[in-house]
Amino acid sequence: MRTVLVLGGYGFFGTALDERYWAYARAWFWLGVLAFTSIIVVFWLMIAKPP
């Protein structure tokens, strides 16, 4: 939600995006990587059933 607030009118005026936007985008990306990895680990635990 903060990325939407940070964007404001950047797209309409053709100006460069604020550094805060890129910081939020990086954080969102790495949280997604963490979530995807967690899902793969849970899936592996369900399939492999380690002792």
N, C-alpha and C. Protein backbone atom coordinates (compact mmCIF):
# COMPACT_ATOMS: atom_id res chain seq x y z
N MET A 1 0.81 -1.19 0.00
CA MET A 1 0.00 0.00 0.00
C MET A 1 0.86 1.26 0.00
N ARG A 2 1.99 1.18 0.68
CA ARG A 2 2.86 2.35 0.73
C ARG A 2 3.42 2.68 -0.65
N THR A 3 3.64 1.66 -1.46
CA THR A 3 4.17 1.95 -2.80
C THR A 3 3.18 2.78 -3.60
N VAL A 4 1.91 2.51 -3.43
CA VAL A 4 0.90 3.30 -4.13
C VAL A 4 0.93 4.74 -3.64
N LEU A 5 1.08 4.92 -2.34
CA LEU A 5 1.14 6.27 -1.79
C LEU A 5 2.40 7.00 -2.23
N VAL A 6 3.51 6.26 -2.32
CA VAL A 6 4.77 6.88 -2.74
C VAL A 6 4.70 7.27 -4.21
N LEU A 7 4.03 6.45 -5.01
CA LEU A 7 3.96 6.74 -6.44
C LEU A 7 3.27 8.06 -6.73
N GLY A 8 2.19 8.31 -6.03
CA GLY A 8 1.49 9.58 -6.22
C GLY A 8 1.23 9.85 -7.69
N GLY A 9 1.83 10.88 -8.24
CA GLY A 9 1.62 11.24 -9.63
C GLY A 9 2.84 11.05 -10.50
N TYR A 10 3.78 10.21 -10.06
CA TYR A 10 5.02 10.04 -10.81
C TYR A 10 4.77 9.56 -12.24
N GLY A 11 3.90 8.60 -12.42
CA GLY A 11 3.66 8.05 -13.75
C GLY A 11 3.04 9.04 -14.72
N PHE A 12 2.27 9.95 -14.20
CA PHE A 12 1.57 10.90 -15.06
C PHE A 12 2.47 12.05 -15.52
N PHE A 13 3.45 12.38 -14.70
CA PHE A 13 4.29 13.53 -15.02
C PHE A 13 5.60 13.16 -15.68
N GLY A 14 5.90 11.88 -15.78
CA GLY A 14 7.12 11.43 -16.45
C GLY A 14 8.38 11.65 -15.65
N THR A 15 8.28 11.85 -14.35
CA THR A 15 9.47 12.04 -13.52
C THR A 15 9.98 10.69 -13.02
N ALA A 16 11.21 10.68 -12.56
CA ALA A 16 11.81 9.45 -12.05
C ALA A 16 11.15 9.05 -10.73
N LEU A 17 11.12 7.75 -10.49
CA LEU A 17 10.51 7.26 -9.27
C LEU A 17 11.40 7.56 -8.07
N ASP A 18 10.77 7.76 -6.95
CA ASP A 18 11.47 8.06 -5.71
C ASP A 18 12.26 6.84 -5.23
N GLU A 19 13.32 7.07 -4.50
CA GLU A 19 14.13 5.97 -3.96
C GLU A 19 13.34 5.13 -2.96
N ARG A 20 12.38 5.75 -2.27
CA ARG A 20 11.53 4.97 -1.35
C ARG A 20 10.77 3.88 -2.09
N TYR A 21 10.31 4.18 -3.30
CA TYR A 21 9.58 3.17 -4.08
C TYR A 21 10.47 1.96 -4.33
N TRP A 22 11.71 2.21 -4.75
CA TRP A 22 12.62 1.09 -5.06
C TRP A 22 12.98 0.33 -3.80
N ALA A 23 13.07 1.00 -2.66
CA ALA A 23 13.32 0.30 -1.40
C ALA A 23 12.15 -0.63 -1.06
N TYR A 24 10.94 -0.12 -1.22
CA TYR A 24 9.77 -0.96 -0.97
C TYR A 24 9.68 -2.10 -1.98
N ALA A 25 10.03 -1.85 -3.23
CA ALA A 25 9.99 -2.90 -4.25
C ALA A 25 10.99 -4.00 -3.94
N ARG A 26 12.20 -3.62 -3.51
CA ARG A 26 13.20 -4.62 -3.13
C ARG A 26 12.74 -5.44 -1.94
N ALA A 27 12.18 -4.77 -0.93
CA ALA A 27 11.68 -5.49 0.25
C ALA A 27 10.57 -6.46 -0.14
N TRP A 28 9.66 -6.00 -0.99
CA TRP A 28 8.54 -6.85 -1.44
C TRP A 28 9.06 -8.06 -2.21
N PHE A 29 10.07 -7.84 -3.06
CA PHE A 29 10.65 -8.93 -3.84
C PHE A 29 11.28 -9.98 -2.91
N TRP A 30 12.09 -9.53 -1.95
CA TRP A 30 12.77 -10.49 -1.08
C TRP A 30 11.80 -11.18 -0.12
N LEU A 31 10.75 -10.52 0.28
CA LEU A 31 9.72 -11.20 1.07
C LEU A 31 9.02 -12.27 0.23
N GLY A 32 8.84 -11.99 -1.05
CA GLY A 32 8.26 -12.99 -1.95
C GLY A 32 9.17 -14.19 -2.13
N VAL A 33 10.47 -13.95 -2.24
CA VAL A 33 11.44 -15.04 -2.34
C VAL A 33 11.39 -15.90 -1.08
N LEU A 34 11.34 -15.24 0.06
CA LEU A 34 11.25 -15.97 1.33
C LEU A 34 9.97 -16.80 1.40
N ALA A 35 8.86 -16.23 0.99
CA ALA A 35 7.58 -16.95 1.02
C ALA A 35 7.60 -18.14 0.07
N PHE A 36 8.14 -17.95 -1.14
CA PHE A 36 8.21 -19.04 -2.10
C PHE A 36 9.09 -20.17 -1.57
N THR A 37 10.23 -19.82 -0.99
CA THR A 37 11.12 -20.84 -0.43
C THR A 37 10.43 -21.59 0.71
N SER A 38 9.70 -20.88 1.52
CA SER A 38 8.98 -21.52 2.63
C SER A 38 7.94 -22.51 2.12
N ILE A 39 7.23 -22.15 1.07
CA ILE A 39 6.24 -23.06 0.50
C ILE A 39 6.90 -24.31 -0.07
N ILE A 40 8.05 -24.13 -0.72
CA ILE A 40 8.77 -25.29 -1.26
C ILE A 40 9.23 -26.20 -0.13
N VAL A 41 9.71 -25.63 0.97
CA VAL A 41 10.15 -26.44 2.11
C VAL A 41 8.97 -27.19 2.71
N VAL A 42 7.84 -26.53 2.88
CA VAL A 42 6.65 -27.21 3.43
C VAL A 42 6.20 -28.32 2.49
N PHE A 43 6.21 -28.07 1.20
CA PHE A 43 5.85 -29.10 0.23
C PHE A 43 6.80 -30.29 0.33
N TRP A 44 8.10 -30.01 0.44
CA TRP A 44 9.08 -31.09 0.55
C TRP A 44 8.84 -31.88 1.83
N LEU A 45 8.53 -31.20 2.93
CA LEU A 45 8.26 -31.90 4.18
C LEU A 45 7.03 -32.80 4.08
N MET A 46 6.04 -32.39 3.32
CA MET A 46 4.85 -33.22 3.14
C MET A 46 5.14 -34.44 2.28
N ILE A 47 5.99 -34.28 1.27
CA ILE A 47 6.27 -35.37 0.33
C ILE A 47 7.33 -36.32 0.87
N ALA A 48 8.45 -35.78 1.37
CA ALA A 48 9.57 -36.62 1.76
C ALA A 48 9.36 -37.29 3.11
N LYS A 49 8.64 -36.65 4.00
CA LYS A 49 8.40 -37.16 5.35
C LYS A 49 9.70 -37.63 6.01
N PRO A 50 10.61 -36.69 6.27
CA PRO A 50 11.89 -37.09 6.88
C PRO A 50 11.68 -37.65 8.28
N PRO A 51 12.57 -38.53 8.73
CA PRO A 51 12.39 -39.16 10.07
C PRO A 51 12.53 -38.18 11.20
